[in-house]
Amino acid sequence: SFFAYLKLQDNYRLLDAGAALGFG
């Protein structure tokens, strides 16, 4: 989850593909 990622940014690098993000 992005919530988890925000807490783990020091340990992980976000990828620019594969996300679940959108409208509705």
PDBML (XML) file of the C-alpha atoms, coordinates in Angstrom:
<?xml version="1.0" encoding="UTF-8" ?>
<PDBx:datablock datablockName="MODEL"
   xmlns:PDBx="http://pdbml.pdb.org/schema/pdbx-v50.xsd"
   xmlns:xsi="http://www.w3.org/2001/XMLSchema-instance"
   xsi:schemaLocation="http://pdbml.pdb.org/schema/pdbx-v50.xsd pdbx-v50.xsd">
   <PDBx:atom_siteCategory>
      <PDBx:atom_site id="1">
         <PDBx:B_iso_or_equiv>0.00</PDBx:B_iso_or_equiv>
         <PDBx:Cartn_x>0.000</PDBx:Cartn_x>
         <PDBx:Cartn_y>0.000</PDBx:Cartn_y>
         <PDBx:Cartn_z>0.000</PDBx:Cartn_z>
         <PDBx:auth_asym_id>A</PDBx:auth_asym_id>
         <PDBx:auth_atom_id>CA</PDBx:auth_atom_id>
         <PDBx:auth_comp_id>SER</PDBx:auth_comp_id>
         <PDBx:auth_seq_id>1</PDBx:auth_seq_id>
         <PDBx:group_PDB>ATOM</PDBx:group_PDB>
         <PDBx:label_alt_id xsi:nil="true" />
         <PDBx:label_asym_id>A</PDBx:label_asym_id>
         <PDBx:label_atom_id>CA</PDBx:label_atom_id>
         <PDBx:label_comp_id>SER</PDBx:label_comp_id>
         <PDBx:label_entity_id>1</PDBx:label_entity_id>
         <PDBx:label_seq_id>1</PDBx:label_seq_id>
         <PDBx:occupancy>1.00</PDBx:occupancy>
         <PDBx:pdbx_PDB_model_num>1</PDBx:pdbx_PDB_model_num>
         <PDBx:type_symbol>C</PDBx:type_symbol>
      </PDBx:atom_site>
      <PDBx:atom_site id="2">
         <PDBx:B_iso_or_equiv>0.00</PDBx:B_iso_or_equiv>
         <PDBx:Cartn_x>1.141</PDBx:Cartn_x>
         <PDBx:Cartn_y>3.555</PDBx:Cartn_y>
         <PDBx:Cartn_z>-0.559</PDBx:Cartn_z>
         <PDBx:auth_asym_id>A</PDBx:auth_asym_id>
         <PDBx:auth_atom_id>CA</PDBx:auth_atom_id>
         <PDBx:auth_comp_id>PHE</PDBx:auth_comp_id>
         <PDBx:auth_seq_id>2</PDBx:auth_seq_id>
         <PDBx:group_PDB>ATOM</PDBx:group_PDB>
         <PDBx:label_alt_id xsi:nil="true" />
         <PDBx:label_asym_id>A</PDBx:label_asym_id>
         <PDBx:label_atom_id>CA</PDBx:label_atom_id>
         <PDBx:label_comp_id>PHE</PDBx:label_comp_id>
         <PDBx:label_entity_id>1</PDBx:label_entity_id>
         <PDBx:label_seq_id>2</PDBx:label_seq_id>
         <PDBx:occupancy>1.00</PDBx:occupancy>
         <PDBx:pdbx_PDB_model_num>1</PDBx:pdbx_PDB_model_num>
         <PDBx:type_symbol>C</PDBx:type_symbol>
      </PDBx:atom_site>
      <PDBx:atom_site id="3">
         <PDBx:B_iso_or_equiv>0.00</PDBx:B_iso_or_equiv>
         <PDBx:Cartn_x>0.543</PDBx:Cartn_x>
         <PDBx:Cartn_y>4.177</PDBx:Cartn_y>
         <PDBx:Cartn_z>3.151</PDBx:Cartn_z>
         <PDBx:auth_asym_id>A</PDBx:auth_asym_id>
         <PDBx:auth_atom_id>CA</PDBx:auth_atom_id>
         <PDBx:auth_comp_id>PHE</PDBx:auth_comp_id>
         <PDBx:auth_seq_id>3</PDBx:auth_seq_id>
         <PDBx:group_PDB>ATOM</PDBx:group_PDB>
         <PDBx:label_alt_id xsi:nil="true" />
         <PDBx:label_asym_id>A</PDBx:label_asym_id>
         <PDBx:label_atom_id>CA</PDBx:label_atom_id>
         <PDBx:label_comp_id>PHE</PDBx:label_comp_id>
         <PDBx:label_entity_id>1</PDBx:label_entity_id>
         <PDBx:label_seq_id>3</PDBx:label_seq_id>
         <PDBx:occupancy>1.00</PDBx:occupancy>
         <PDBx:pdbx_PDB_model_num>1</PDBx:pdbx_PDB_model_num>
         <PDBx:type_symbol>C</PDBx:type_symbol>
      </PDBx:atom_site>
      <PDBx:atom_site id="4">
         <PDBx:B_iso_or_equiv>0.00</PDBx:B_iso_or_equiv>
         <PDBx:Cartn_x>3.067</PDBx:Cartn_x>
         <PDBx:Cartn_y>1.456</PDBx:Cartn_y>
         <PDBx:Cartn_z>3.972</PDBx:Cartn_z>
         <PDBx:auth_asym_id>A</PDBx:auth_asym_id>
         <PDBx:auth_atom_id>CA</PDBx:auth_atom_id>
         <PDBx:auth_comp_id>ALA</PDBx:auth_comp_id>
         <PDBx:auth_seq_id>4</PDBx:auth_seq_id>
         <PDBx:group_PDB>ATOM</PDBx:group_PDB>
         <PDBx:label_alt_id xsi:nil="true" />
         <PDBx:label_asym_id>A</PDBx:label_asym_id>
         <PDBx:label_atom_id>CA</PDBx:label_atom_id>
         <PDBx:label_comp_id>ALA</PDBx:label_comp_id>
         <PDBx:label_entity_id>1</PDBx:label_entity_id>
         <PDBx:label_seq_id>4</PDBx:label_seq_id>
         <PDBx:occupancy>1.00</PDBx:occupancy>
         <PDBx:pdbx_PDB_model_num>1</PDBx:pdbx_PDB_model_num>
         <PDBx:type_symbol>C</PDBx:type_symbol>
      </PDBx:atom_site>
      <PDBx:atom_site id="5">
         <PDBx:B_iso_or_equiv>0.00</PDBx:B_iso_or_equiv>
         <PDBx:Cartn_x>5.461</PDBx:Cartn_x>
         <PDBx:Cartn_y>2.814</PDBx:Cartn_y>
         <PDBx:Cartn_z>1.355</PDBx:Cartn_z>
         <PDBx:auth_asym_id>A</PDBx:auth_asym_id>
         <PDBx:auth_atom_id>CA</PDBx:auth_atom_id>
         <PDBx:auth_comp_id>TYR</PDBx:auth_comp_id>
         <PDBx:auth_seq_id>5</PDBx:auth_seq_id>
         <PDBx:group_PDB>ATOM</PDBx:group_PDB>
         <PDBx:label_alt_id xsi:nil="true" />
         <PDBx:label_asym_id>A</PDBx:label_asym_id>
         <PDBx:label_atom_id>CA</PDBx:label_atom_id>
         <PDBx:label_comp_id>TYR</PDBx:label_comp_id>
         <PDBx:label_entity_id>1</PDBx:label_entity_id>
         <PDBx:label_seq_id>5</PDBx:label_seq_id>
         <PDBx:occupancy>1.00</PDBx:occupancy>
         <PDBx:pdbx_PDB_model_num>1</PDBx:pdbx_PDB_model_num>
         <PDBx:type_symbol>C</PDBx:type_symbol>
      </PDBx:atom_site>
      <PDBx:atom_site id="6">
         <PDBx:B_iso_or_equiv>0.00</PDBx:B_iso_or_equiv>
         <PDBx:Cartn_x>5.356</PDBx:Cartn_x>
         <PDBx:Cartn_y>6.289</PDBx:Cartn_y>
         <PDBx:Cartn_z>2.897</PDBx:Cartn_z>
         <PDBx:auth_asym_id>A</PDBx:auth_asym_id>
         <PDBx:auth_atom_id>CA</PDBx:auth_atom_id>
         <PDBx:auth_comp_id>LEU</PDBx:auth_comp_id>
         <PDBx:auth_seq_id>6</PDBx:auth_seq_id>
         <PDBx:group_PDB>ATOM</PDBx:group_PDB>
         <PDBx:label_alt_id xsi:nil="true" />
         <PDBx:label_asym_id>A</PDBx:label_asym_id>
         <PDBx:label_atom_id>CA</PDBx:label_atom_id>
         <PDBx:label_comp_id>LEU</PDBx:label_comp_id>
         <PDBx:label_entity_id>1</PDBx:label_entity_id>
         <PDBx:label_seq_id>6</PDBx:label_seq_id>
         <PDBx:occupancy>1.00</PDBx:occupancy>
         <PDBx:pdbx_PDB_model_num>1</PDBx:pdbx_PDB_model_num>
         <PDBx:type_symbol>C</PDBx:type_symbol>
      </PDBx:atom_site>
      <PDBx:atom_site id="7">
         <PDBx:B_iso_or_equiv>0.00</PDBx:B_iso_or_equiv>
         <PDBx:Cartn_x>6.562</PDBx:Cartn_x>
         <PDBx:Cartn_y>4.728</PDBx:Cartn_y>
         <PDBx:Cartn_z>6.149</PDBx:Cartn_z>
         <PDBx:auth_asym_id>A</PDBx:auth_asym_id>
         <PDBx:auth_atom_id>CA</PDBx:auth_atom_id>
         <PDBx:auth_comp_id>LYS</PDBx:auth_comp_id>
         <PDBx:auth_seq_id>7</PDBx:auth_seq_id>
         <PDBx:group_PDB>ATOM</PDBx:group_PDB>
         <PDBx:label_alt_id xsi:nil="true" />
         <PDBx:label_asym_id>A</PDBx:label_asym_id>
         <PDBx:label_atom_id>CA</PDBx:label_atom_id>
         <PDBx:label_comp_id>LYS</PDBx:label_comp_id>
         <PDBx:label_entity_id>1</PDBx:label_entity_id>
         <PDBx:label_seq_id>7</PDBx:label_seq_id>
         <PDBx:occupancy>1.00</PDBx:occupancy>
         <PDBx:pdbx_PDB_model_num>1</PDBx:pdbx_PDB_model_num>
         <PDBx:type_symbol>C</PDBx:type_symbol>
      </PDBx:atom_site>
      <PDBx:atom_site id="8">
         <PDBx:B_iso_or_equiv>0.00</PDBx:B_iso_or_equiv>
         <PDBx:Cartn_x>9.224</PDBx:Cartn_x>
         <PDBx:Cartn_y>2.611</PDBx:Cartn_y>
         <PDBx:Cartn_z>4.413</PDBx:Cartn_z>
         <PDBx:auth_asym_id>A</PDBx:auth_asym_id>
         <PDBx:auth_atom_id>CA</PDBx:auth_atom_id>
         <PDBx:auth_comp_id>LEU</PDBx:auth_comp_id>
         <PDBx:auth_seq_id>8</PDBx:auth_seq_id>
         <PDBx:group_PDB>ATOM</PDBx:group_PDB>
         <PDBx:label_alt_id xsi:nil="true" />
         <PDBx:label_asym_id>A</PDBx:label_asym_id>
         <PDBx:label_atom_id>CA</PDBx:label_atom_id>
         <PDBx:label_comp_id>LEU</PDBx:label_comp_id>
         <PDBx:label_entity_id>1</PDBx:label_entity_id>
         <PDBx:label_seq_id>8</PDBx:label_seq_id>
         <PDBx:occupancy>1.00</PDBx:occupancy>
         <PDBx:pdbx_PDB_model_num>1</PDBx:pdbx_PDB_model_num>
         <PDBx:type_symbol>C</PDBx:type_symbol>
      </PDBx:atom_site>
      <PDBx:atom_site id="9">
         <PDBx:B_iso_or_equiv>0.00</PDBx:B_iso_or_equiv>
         <PDBx:Cartn_x>10.781</PDBx:Cartn_x>
         <PDBx:Cartn_y>5.062</PDBx:Cartn_y>
         <PDBx:Cartn_z>1.971</PDBx:Cartn_z>
         <PDBx:auth_asym_id>A</PDBx:auth_asym_id>
         <PDBx:auth_atom_id>CA</PDBx:auth_atom_id>
         <PDBx:auth_comp_id>GLN</PDBx:auth_comp_id>
         <PDBx:auth_seq_id>9</PDBx:auth_seq_id>
         <PDBx:group_PDB>ATOM</PDBx:group_PDB>
         <PDBx:label_alt_id xsi:nil="true" />
         <PDBx:label_asym_id>A</PDBx:label_asym_id>
         <PDBx:label_atom_id>CA</PDBx:label_atom_id>
         <PDBx:label_comp_id>GLN</PDBx:label_comp_id>
         <PDBx:label_entity_id>1</PDBx:label_entity_id>
         <PDBx:label_seq_id>9</PDBx:label_seq_id>
         <PDBx:occupancy>1.00</PDBx:occupancy>
         <PDBx:pdbx_PDB_model_num>1</PDBx:pdbx_PDB_model_num>
         <PDBx:type_symbol>C</PDBx:type_symbol>
      </PDBx:atom_site>
      <PDBx:atom_site id="10">
         <PDBx:B_iso_or_equiv>0.00</PDBx:B_iso_or_equiv>
         <PDBx:Cartn_x>14.207</PDBx:Cartn_x>
         <PDBx:Cartn_y>4.686</PDBx:Cartn_y>
         <PDBx:Cartn_z>3.568</PDBx:Cartn_z>
         <PDBx:auth_asym_id>A</PDBx:auth_asym_id>
         <PDBx:auth_atom_id>CA</PDBx:auth_atom_id>
         <PDBx:auth_comp_id>ASP</PDBx:auth_comp_id>
         <PDBx:auth_seq_id>10</PDBx:auth_seq_id>
         <PDBx:group_PDB>ATOM</PDBx:group_PDB>
         <PDBx:label_alt_id xsi:nil="true" />
         <PDBx:label_asym_id>A</PDBx:label_asym_id>
         <PDBx:label_atom_id>CA</PDBx:label_atom_id>
         <PDBx:label_comp_id>ASP</PDBx:label_comp_id>
         <PDBx:label_entity_id>1</PDBx:label_entity_id>
         <PDBx:label_seq_id>10</PDBx:label_seq_id>
         <PDBx:occupancy>1.00</PDBx:occupancy>
         <PDBx:pdbx_PDB_model_num>1</PDBx:pdbx_PDB_model_num>
         <PDBx:type_symbol>C</PDBx:type_symbol>
      </PDBx:atom_site>
      <PDBx:atom_site id="11">
         <PDBx:B_iso_or_equiv>0.00</PDBx:B_iso_or_equiv>
         <PDBx:Cartn_x>14.141</PDBx:Cartn_x>
         <PDBx:Cartn_y>0.944</PDBx:Cartn_y>
         <PDBx:Cartn_z>2.823</PDBx:Cartn_z>
         <PDBx:auth_asym_id>A</PDBx:auth_asym_id>
         <PDBx:auth_atom_id>CA</PDBx:auth_atom_id>
         <PDBx:auth_comp_id>ASN</PDBx:auth_comp_id>
         <PDBx:auth_seq_id>11</PDBx:auth_seq_id>
         <PDBx:group_PDB>ATOM</PDBx:group_PDB>
         <PDBx:label_alt_id xsi:nil="true" />
         <PDBx:label_asym_id>A</PDBx:label_asym_id>
         <PDBx:label_atom_id>CA</PDBx:label_atom_id>
         <PDBx:label_comp_id>ASN</PDBx:label_comp_id>
         <PDBx:label_entity_id>1</PDBx:label_entity_id>
         <PDBx:label_seq_id>11</PDBx:label_seq_id>
         <PDBx:occupancy>1.00</PDBx:occupancy>
         <PDBx:pdbx_PDB_model_num>1</PDBx:pdbx_PDB_model_num>
         <PDBx:type_symbol>C</PDBx:type_symbol>
      </PDBx:atom_site>
      <PDBx:atom_site id="12">
         <PDBx:B_iso_or_equiv>0.00</PDBx:B_iso_or_equiv>
         <PDBx:Cartn_x>12.463</PDBx:Cartn_x>
         <PDBx:Cartn_y>0.775</PDBx:Cartn_y>
         <PDBx:Cartn_z>-0.588</PDBx:Cartn_z>
         <PDBx:auth_asym_id>A</PDBx:auth_asym_id>
         <PDBx:auth_atom_id>CA</PDBx:auth_atom_id>
         <PDBx:auth_comp_id>TYR</PDBx:auth_comp_id>
         <PDBx:auth_seq_id>12</PDBx:auth_seq_id>
         <PDBx:group_PDB>ATOM</PDBx:group_PDB>
         <PDBx:label_alt_id xsi:nil="true" />
         <PDBx:label_asym_id>A</PDBx:label_asym_id>
         <PDBx:label_atom_id>CA</PDBx:label_atom_id>
         <PDBx:label_comp_id>TYR</PDBx:label_comp_id>
         <PDBx:label_entity_id>1</PDBx:label_entity_id>
         <PDBx:label_seq_id>12</PDBx:label_seq_id>
         <PDBx:occupancy>1.00</PDBx:occupancy>
         <PDBx:pdbx_PDB_model_num>1</PDBx:pdbx_PDB_model_num>
         <PDBx:type_symbol>C</PDBx:type_symbol>
      </PDBx:atom_site>
      <PDBx:atom_site id="13">
         <PDBx:B_iso_or_equiv>0.00</PDBx:B_iso_or_equiv>
         <PDBx:Cartn_x>12.681</PDBx:Cartn_x>
         <PDBx:Cartn_y>2.429</PDBx:Cartn_y>
         <PDBx:Cartn_z>-3.985</PDBx:Cartn_z>
         <PDBx:auth_asym_id>A</PDBx:auth_asym_id>
         <PDBx:auth_atom_id>CA</PDBx:auth_atom_id>
         <PDBx:auth_comp_id>ARG</PDBx:auth_comp_id>
         <PDBx:auth_seq_id>13</PDBx:auth_seq_id>
         <PDBx:group_PDB>ATOM</PDBx:group_PDB>
         <PDBx:label_alt_id xsi:nil="true" />
         <PDBx:label_asym_id>A</PDBx:label_asym_id>
         <PDBx:label_atom_id>CA</PDBx:label_atom_id>
         <PDBx:label_comp_id>ARG</PDBx:label_comp_id>
         <PDBx:label_entity_id>1</PDBx:label_entity_id>
         <PDBx:label_seq_id>13</PDBx:label_seq_id>
         <PDBx:occupancy>1.00</PDBx:occupancy>
         <PDBx:pdbx_PDB_model_num>1</PDBx:pdbx_PDB_model_num>
         <PDBx:type_symbol>C</PDBx:type_symbol>
      </PDBx:atom_site>
      <PDBx:atom_site id="14">
         <PDBx:B_iso_or_equiv>0.00</PDBx:B_iso_or_equiv>
         <PDBx:Cartn_x>9.384</PDBx:Cartn_x>
         <PDBx:Cartn_y>3.074</PDBx:Cartn_y>
         <PDBx:Cartn_z>-5.749</PDBx:Cartn_z>
         <PDBx:auth_asym_id>A</PDBx:auth_asym_id>
         <PDBx:auth_atom_id>CA</PDBx:auth_atom_id>
         <PDBx:auth_comp_id>LEU</PDBx:auth_comp_id>
         <PDBx:auth_seq_id>14</PDBx:auth_seq_id>
         <PDBx:group_PDB>ATOM</PDBx:group_PDB>
         <PDBx:label_alt_id xsi:nil="true" />
         <PDBx:label_asym_id>A</PDBx:label_asym_id>
         <PDBx:label_atom_id>CA</PDBx:label_atom_id>
         <PDBx:label_comp_id>LEU</PDBx:label_comp_id>
         <PDBx:label_entity_id>1</PDBx:label_entity_id>
         <PDBx:label_seq_id>14</PDBx:label_seq_id>
         <PDBx:occupancy>1.00</PDBx:occupancy>
         <PDBx:pdbx_PDB_model_num>1</PDBx:pdbx_PDB_model_num>
         <PDBx:type_symbol>C</PDBx:type_symbol>
      </PDBx:atom_site>
      <PDBx:atom_site id="15">
         <PDBx:B_iso_or_equiv>0.00</PDBx:B_iso_or_equiv>
         <PDBx:Cartn_x>9.004</PDBx:Cartn_x>
         <PDBx:Cartn_y>1.702</PDBx:Cartn_y>
         <PDBx:Cartn_z>-9.274</PDBx:Cartn_z>
         <PDBx:auth_asym_id>A</PDBx:auth_asym_id>
         <PDBx:auth_atom_id>CA</PDBx:auth_atom_id>
         <PDBx:auth_comp_id>LEU</PDBx:auth_comp_id>
         <PDBx:auth_seq_id>15</PDBx:auth_seq_id>
         <PDBx:group_PDB>ATOM</PDBx:group_PDB>
         <PDBx:label_alt_id xsi:nil="true" />
         <PDBx:label_asym_id>A</PDBx:label_asym_id>
         <PDBx:label_atom_id>CA</PDBx:label_atom_id>
         <PDBx:label_comp_id>LEU</PDBx:label_comp_id>
         <PDBx:label_entity_id>1</PDBx:label_entity_id>
         <PDBx:label_seq_id>15</PDBx:label_seq_id>
         <PDBx:occupancy>1.00</PDBx:occupancy>
         <PDBx:pdbx_PDB_model_num>1</PDBx:pdbx_PDB_model_num>
         <PDBx:type_symbol>C</PDBx:type_symbol>
      </PDBx:atom_site>
      <PDBx:atom_site id="16">
         <PDBx:B_iso_or_equiv>0.00</PDBx:B_iso_or_equiv>
         <PDBx:Cartn_x>7.326</PDBx:Cartn_x>
         <PDBx:Cartn_y>3.720</PDBx:Cartn_y>
         <PDBx:Cartn_z>-11.997</PDBx:Cartn_z>
         <PDBx:auth_asym_id>A</PDBx:auth_asym_id>
         <PDBx:auth_atom_id>CA</PDBx:auth_atom_id>
         <PDBx:auth_comp_id>ASP</PDBx:auth_comp_id>
         <PDBx:auth_seq_id>16</PDBx:auth_seq_id>
         <PDBx:group_PDB>ATOM</PDBx:group_PDB>
         <PDBx:label_alt_id xsi:nil="true" />
         <PDBx:label_asym_id>A</PDBx:label_asym_id>
         <PDBx:label_atom_id>CA</PDBx:label_atom_id>
         <PDBx:label_comp_id>ASP</PDBx:label_comp_id>
         <PDBx:label_entity_id>1</PDBx:label_entity_id>
         <PDBx:label_seq_id>16</PDBx:label_seq_id>
         <PDBx:occupancy>1.00</PDBx:occupancy>
         <PDBx:pdbx_PDB_model_num>1</PDBx:pdbx_PDB_model_num>
         <PDBx:type_symbol>C</PDBx:type_symbol>
      </PDBx:atom_site>
      <PDBx:atom_site id="17">
         <PDBx:B_iso_or_equiv>0.00</PDBx:B_iso_or_equiv>
         <PDBx:Cartn_x>5.286</PDBx:Cartn_x>
         <PDBx:Cartn_y>0.727</PDBx:Cartn_y>
         <PDBx:Cartn_z>-13.212</PDBx:Cartn_z>
         <PDBx:auth_asym_id>A</PDBx:auth_asym_id>
         <PDBx:auth_atom_id>CA</PDBx:auth_atom_id>
         <PDBx:auth_comp_id>ALA</PDBx:auth_comp_id>
         <PDBx:auth_seq_id>17</PDBx:auth_seq_id>
         <PDBx:group_PDB>ATOM</PDBx:group_PDB>
         <PDBx:label_alt_id xsi:nil="true" />
         <PDBx:label_asym_id>A</PDBx:label_asym_id>
         <PDBx:label_atom_id>CA</PDBx:label_atom_id>
         <PDBx:label_comp_id>ALA</PDBx:label_comp_id>
         <PDBx:label_entity_id>1</PDBx:label_entity_id>
         <PDBx:label_seq_id>17</PDBx:label_seq_id>
         <PDBx:occupancy>1.00</PDBx:occupancy>
         <PDBx:pdbx_PDB_model_num>1</PDBx:pdbx_PDB_model_num>
         <PDBx:type_symbol>C</PDBx:type_symbol>
      </PDBx:atom_site>
      <PDBx:atom_site id="18">
         <PDBx:B_iso_or_equiv>0.00</PDBx:B_iso_or_equiv>
         <PDBx:Cartn_x>2.714</PDBx:Cartn_x>
         <PDBx:Cartn_y>-1.583</PDBx:Cartn_y>
         <PDBx:Cartn_z>-11.650</PDBx:Cartn_z>
         <PDBx:auth_asym_id>A</PDBx:auth_asym_id>
         <PDBx:auth_atom_id>CA</PDBx:auth_atom_id>
         <PDBx:auth_comp_id>GLY</PDBx:auth_comp_id>
         <PDBx:auth_seq_id>18</PDBx:auth_seq_id>
         <PDBx:group_PDB>ATOM</PDBx:group_PDB>
         <PDBx:label_alt_id xsi:nil="true" />
         <PDBx:label_asym_id>A</PDBx:label_asym_id>
         <PDBx:label_atom_id>CA</PDBx:label_atom_id>
         <PDBx:label_comp_id>GLY</PDBx:label_comp_id>
         <PDBx:label_entity_id>1</PDBx:label_entity_id>
         <PDBx:label_seq_id>18</PDBx:label_seq_id>
         <PDBx:occupancy>1.00</PDBx:occupancy>
         <PDBx:pdbx_PDB_model_num>1</PDBx:pdbx_PDB_model_num>
         <PDBx:type_symbol>C</PDBx:type_symbol>
      </PDBx:atom_site>
      <PDBx:atom_site id="19">
         <PDBx:B_iso_or_equiv>0.00</PDBx:B_iso_or_equiv>
         <PDBx:Cartn_x>0.936</PDBx:Cartn_x>
         <PDBx:Cartn_y>0.906</PDBx:Cartn_y>
         <PDBx:Cartn_z>-9.384</PDBx:Cartn_z>
         <PDBx:auth_asym_id>A</PDBx:auth_asym_id>
         <PDBx:auth_atom_id>CA</PDBx:auth_atom_id>
         <PDBx:auth_comp_id>ALA</PDBx:auth_comp_id>
         <PDBx:auth_seq_id>19</PDBx:auth_seq_id>
         <PDBx:group_PDB>ATOM</PDBx:group_PDB>
         <PDBx:label_alt_id xsi:nil="true" />
         <PDBx:label_asym_id>A</PDBx:label_asym_id>
         <PDBx:label_atom_id>CA</PDBx:label_atom_id>
         <PDBx:label_comp_id>ALA</PDBx:label_comp_id>
         <PDBx:label_entity_id>1</PDBx:label_entity_id>
         <PDBx:label_seq_id>19</PDBx:label_seq_id>
         <PDBx:occupancy>1.00</PDBx:occupancy>
         <PDBx:pdbx_PDB_model_num>1</PDBx:pdbx_PDB_model_num>
         <PDBx:type_symbol>C</PDBx:type_symbol>
      </PDBx:atom_site>
      <PDBx:atom_site id="20">
         <PDBx:B_iso_or_equiv>0.00</PDBx:B_iso_or_equiv>
         <PDBx:Cartn_x>-2.778</PDBx:Cartn_x>
         <PDBx:Cartn_y>0.884</PDBx:Cartn_y>
         <PDBx:Cartn_z>-8.559</PDBx:Cartn_z>
         <PDBx:auth_asym_id>A</PDBx:auth_asym_id>
         <PDBx:auth_atom_id>CA</PDBx:auth_atom_id>
         <PDBx:auth_comp_id>ALA</PDBx:auth_comp_id>
         <PDBx:auth_seq_id>20</PDBx:auth_seq_id>
         <PDBx:group_PDB>ATOM</PDBx:group_PDB>
         <PDBx:label_alt_id xsi:nil="true" />
         <PDBx:label_asym_id>A</PDBx:label_asym_id>
         <PDBx:label_atom_id>CA</PDBx:label_atom_id>
         <PDBx:label_comp_id>ALA</PDBx:label_comp_id>
         <PDBx:label_entity_id>1</PDBx:label_entity_id>
         <PDBx:label_seq_id>20</PDBx:label_seq_id>
         <PDBx:occupancy>1.00</PDBx:occupancy>
         <PDBx:pdbx_PDB_model_num>1</PDBx:pdbx_PDB_model_num>
         <PDBx:type_symbol>C</PDBx:type_symbol>
      </PDBx:atom_site>
      <PDBx:atom_site id="21">
         <PDBx:B_iso_or_equiv>0.00</PDBx:B_iso_or_equiv>
         <PDBx:Cartn_x>-3.716</PDBx:Cartn_x>
         <PDBx:Cartn_y>4.522</PDBx:Cartn_y>
         <PDBx:Cartn_z>-8.861</PDBx:Cartn_z>
         <PDBx:auth_asym_id>A</PDBx:auth_asym_id>
         <PDBx:auth_atom_id>CA</PDBx:auth_atom_id>
         <PDBx:auth_comp_id>LEU</PDBx:auth_comp_id>
         <PDBx:auth_seq_id>21</PDBx:auth_seq_id>
         <PDBx:group_PDB>ATOM</PDBx:group_PDB>
         <PDBx:label_alt_id xsi:nil="true" />
         <PDBx:label_asym_id>A</PDBx:label_asym_id>
         <PDBx:label_atom_id>CA</PDBx:label_atom_id>
         <PDBx:label_comp_id>LEU</PDBx:label_comp_id>
         <PDBx:label_entity_id>1</PDBx:label_entity_id>
         <PDBx:label_seq_id>21</PDBx:label_seq_id>
         <PDBx:occupancy>1.00</PDBx:occupancy>
         <PDBx:pdbx_PDB_model_num>1</PDBx:pdbx_PDB_model_num>
         <PDBx:type_symbol>C</PDBx:type_symbol>
      </PDBx:atom_site>
      <PDBx:atom_site id="22">
         <PDBx:B_iso_or_equiv>0.00</PDBx:B_iso_or_equiv>
         <PDBx:Cartn_x>-6.629</PDBx:Cartn_x>
         <PDBx:Cartn_y>6.231</PDBx:Cartn_y>
         <PDBx:Cartn_z>-10.522</PDBx:Cartn_z>
         <PDBx:auth_asym_id>A</PDBx:auth_asym_id>
         <PDBx:auth_atom_id>CA</PDBx:auth_atom_id>
         <PDBx:auth_comp_id>GLY</PDBx:auth_comp_id>
         <PDBx:auth_seq_id>22</PDBx:auth_seq_id>
         <PDBx:group_PDB>ATOM</PDBx:group_PDB>
         <PDBx:label_alt_id xsi:nil="true" />
         <PDBx:label_asym_id>A</PDBx:label_asym_id>
         <PDBx:label_atom_id>CA</PDBx:label_atom_id>
         <PDBx:label_comp_id>GLY</PDBx:label_comp_id>
         <PDBx:label_entity_id>1</PDBx:label_entity_id>
         <PDBx:label_seq_id>22</PDBx:label_seq_id>
         <PDBx:occupancy>1.00</PDBx:occupancy>
         <PDBx:pdbx_PDB_model_num>1</PDBx:pdbx_PDB_model_num>
         <PDBx:type_symbol>C</PDBx:type_symbol>
      </PDBx:atom_site>
      <PDBx:atom_site id="23">
         <PDBx:B_iso_or_equiv>0.00</PDBx:B_iso_or_equiv>
         <PDBx:Cartn_x>-9.971</PDBx:Cartn_x>
         <PDBx:Cartn_y>7.970</PDBx:Cartn_y>
         <PDBx:Cartn_z>-10.452</PDBx:Cartn_z>
         <PDBx:auth_asym_id>A</PDBx:auth_asym_id>
         <PDBx:auth_atom_id>CA</PDBx:auth_atom_id>
         <PDBx:auth_comp_id>PHE</PDBx:auth_comp_id>
         <PDBx:auth_seq_id>23</PDBx:auth_seq_id>
         <PDBx:group_PDB>ATOM</PDBx:group_PDB>
         <PDBx:label_alt_id xsi:nil="true" />
         <PDBx:label_asym_id>A</PDBx:label_asym_id>
         <PDBx:label_atom_id>CA</PDBx:label_atom_id>
         <PDBx:label_comp_id>PHE</PDBx:label_comp_id>
         <PDBx:label_entity_id>1</PDBx:label_entity_id>
         <PDBx:label_seq_id>23</PDBx:label_seq_id>
         <PDBx:occupancy>1.00</PDBx:occupancy>
         <PDBx:pdbx_PDB_model_num>1</PDBx:pdbx_PDB_model_num>
         <PDBx:type_symbol>C</PDBx:type_symbol>
      </PDBx:atom_site>
      <PDBx:atom_site id="24">
         <PDBx:B_iso_or_equiv>0.00</PDBx:B_iso_or_equiv>
         <PDBx:Cartn_x>-13.189</PDBx:Cartn_x>
         <PDBx:Cartn_y>6.346</PDBx:Cartn_y>
         <PDBx:Cartn_z>-9.277</PDBx:Cartn_z>
         <PDBx:auth_asym_id>A</PDBx:auth_asym_id>
         <PDBx:auth_atom_id>CA</PDBx:auth_atom_id>
         <PDBx:auth_comp_id>GLY</PDBx:auth_comp_id>
         <PDBx:auth_seq_id>24</PDBx:auth_seq_id>
         <PDBx:group_PDB>ATOM</PDBx:group_PDB>
         <PDBx:label_alt_id xsi:nil="true" />
         <PDBx:label_asym_id>A</PDBx:label_asym_id>
         <PDBx:label_atom_id>CA</PDBx:label_atom_id>
         <PDBx:label_comp_id>GLY</PDBx:label_comp_id>
         <PDBx:label_entity_id>1</PDBx:label_entity_id>
         <PDBx:label_seq_id>24</PDBx:label_seq_id>
         <PDBx:occupancy>1.00</PDBx:occupancy>
         <PDBx:pdbx_PDB_model_num>1</PDBx:pdbx_PDB_model_num>
         <PDBx:type_symbol>C</PDBx:type_symbol>
      </PDBx:atom_site>
   </PDBx:atom_siteCategory>
</PDBx:datablock>
